[in-house]
Protein backbone atom coordinates (compact mmCIF):
# COMPACT_ATOMS: atom_id res chain seq x y z
CA MET A 1 54.46 -30.17 -140.81
CA LYS A 2 54.95 -26.65 -139.32
CA GLN A 3 58.17 -26.06 -137.00
CA VAL A 4 56.77 -25.81 -133.31
CA THR A 5 58.78 -24.29 -130.45
CA ILE A 6 57.49 -24.45 -126.85
CA TYR A 7 58.62 -22.50 -124.01
CA SER A 8 57.64 -24.24 -120.78
CA THR A 9 58.66 -25.23 -117.14
CA PRO A 10 58.77 -28.76 -115.73
CA THR A 11 55.97 -28.01 -113.24
CA CYS A 12 53.44 -26.43 -115.54
CA HIS A 13 50.25 -28.48 -115.98
CA PHE A 14 49.19 -26.82 -119.22
CA CYS A 15 52.69 -27.28 -120.58
CA MET A 16 52.39 -31.05 -119.94
CA LEU A 17 49.02 -31.01 -121.72
CA VAL A 18 50.11 -29.47 -124.85
CA LYS A 19 53.38 -31.71 -125.03
CA ASP A 20 51.10 -34.79 -124.63
CA TYR A 21 48.80 -33.41 -127.27
CA MET A 22 51.65 -32.92 -129.76
CA LYS A 23 53.07 -36.36 -129.10
CA ALA A 24 49.73 -38.02 -129.53
CA ASN A 25 49.34 -36.15 -132.82
CA ASN A 26 52.91 -36.81 -133.96
CA ILE A 27 53.80 -33.19 -134.01
CA PRO A 28 57.53 -32.60 -133.63
CA TYR A 29 58.61 -29.86 -131.40
CA THR A 30 61.54 -28.03 -129.77
CA GLU A 31 61.33 -27.43 -126.19
CA HIS A 32 62.97 -24.80 -123.99
CA ASP A 33 62.78 -24.95 -120.23
CA VAL A 34 62.54 -21.18 -119.22
CA ALA A 35 62.91 -22.16 -115.61
CA SER A 36 66.49 -22.94 -116.08
CA ASP A 37 67.45 -21.35 -119.26
CA LEU A 38 67.47 -17.49 -118.61
CA GLU A 39 68.38 -16.64 -122.34
CA LYS A 40 65.26 -18.61 -123.65
CA ARG A 41 63.09 -16.92 -120.97
CA LYS A 42 64.08 -13.64 -122.29
CA GLU A 43 63.52 -14.78 -125.85
CA MET A 44 59.90 -16.02 -124.81
CA ILE A 45 59.14 -12.58 -123.21
CA ASP A 46 60.33 -10.70 -126.17
CA LYS A 47 58.40 -12.73 -128.52
CA SER A 48 55.07 -12.94 -126.42
CA GLY A 49 55.18 -9.99 -123.93
CA GLN A 50 54.28 -12.75 -121.35
CA MET A 51 55.96 -14.43 -118.46
CA GLY A 52 53.42 -17.17 -118.15
CA VAL A 53 53.74 -20.57 -119.91
CA PRO A 54 53.14 -22.37 -122.08
CA VAL A 55 54.11 -20.13 -125.04
CA MET A 56 54.25 -21.69 -128.45
CA ASP A 57 56.03 -20.41 -131.57
CA ILE A 58 54.65 -22.03 -134.69
CA GLU A 59 56.69 -20.46 -137.54
CA GLY A 60 56.08 -16.89 -136.13
CA LYS A 61 52.50 -17.34 -134.78
CA ILE A 62 52.60 -16.97 -131.19
CA ILE A 63 50.06 -18.83 -128.87
CA VAL A 64 50.12 -18.19 -125.11
CA GLY A 65 48.35 -20.95 -123.08
CA PHE A 66 46.71 -24.06 -124.58
CA ASP A 67 43.62 -23.84 -126.67
CA GLU A 68 43.45 -27.16 -128.45
CA ASN A 69 41.35 -25.86 -131.40
CA GLU A 70 43.45 -22.70 -131.94
CA PHE A 71 46.65 -24.85 -131.66
CA ALA A 72 45.31 -27.52 -134.11
CA GLU A 73 44.22 -24.88 -136.60
CA VAL A 74 47.64 -23.16 -136.59
CA VAL A 75 49.62 -26.32 -137.00
CA GLY A 76 47.22 -27.57 -139.74
CA ILE A 77 45.68 -30.69 -138.15
CA LYS A 78 42.05 -29.37 -138.26
């Protein structure tokens, strides 16, 4: 299984959707709350060029937002 890192905030609806999706598909992930962790927020912006969440880093492939088909393809479950 590929290594997944998600940059999110506690109130982000799409962040919750992608985390629920990963849990339902037994995809382990590391989560960083960029609302409270300024270092990880900077890291997310440096990687993606975006300030919006969710941002996922899947072994160097950056996905901004949650597109179920794209995500599934990148992690290798479709």
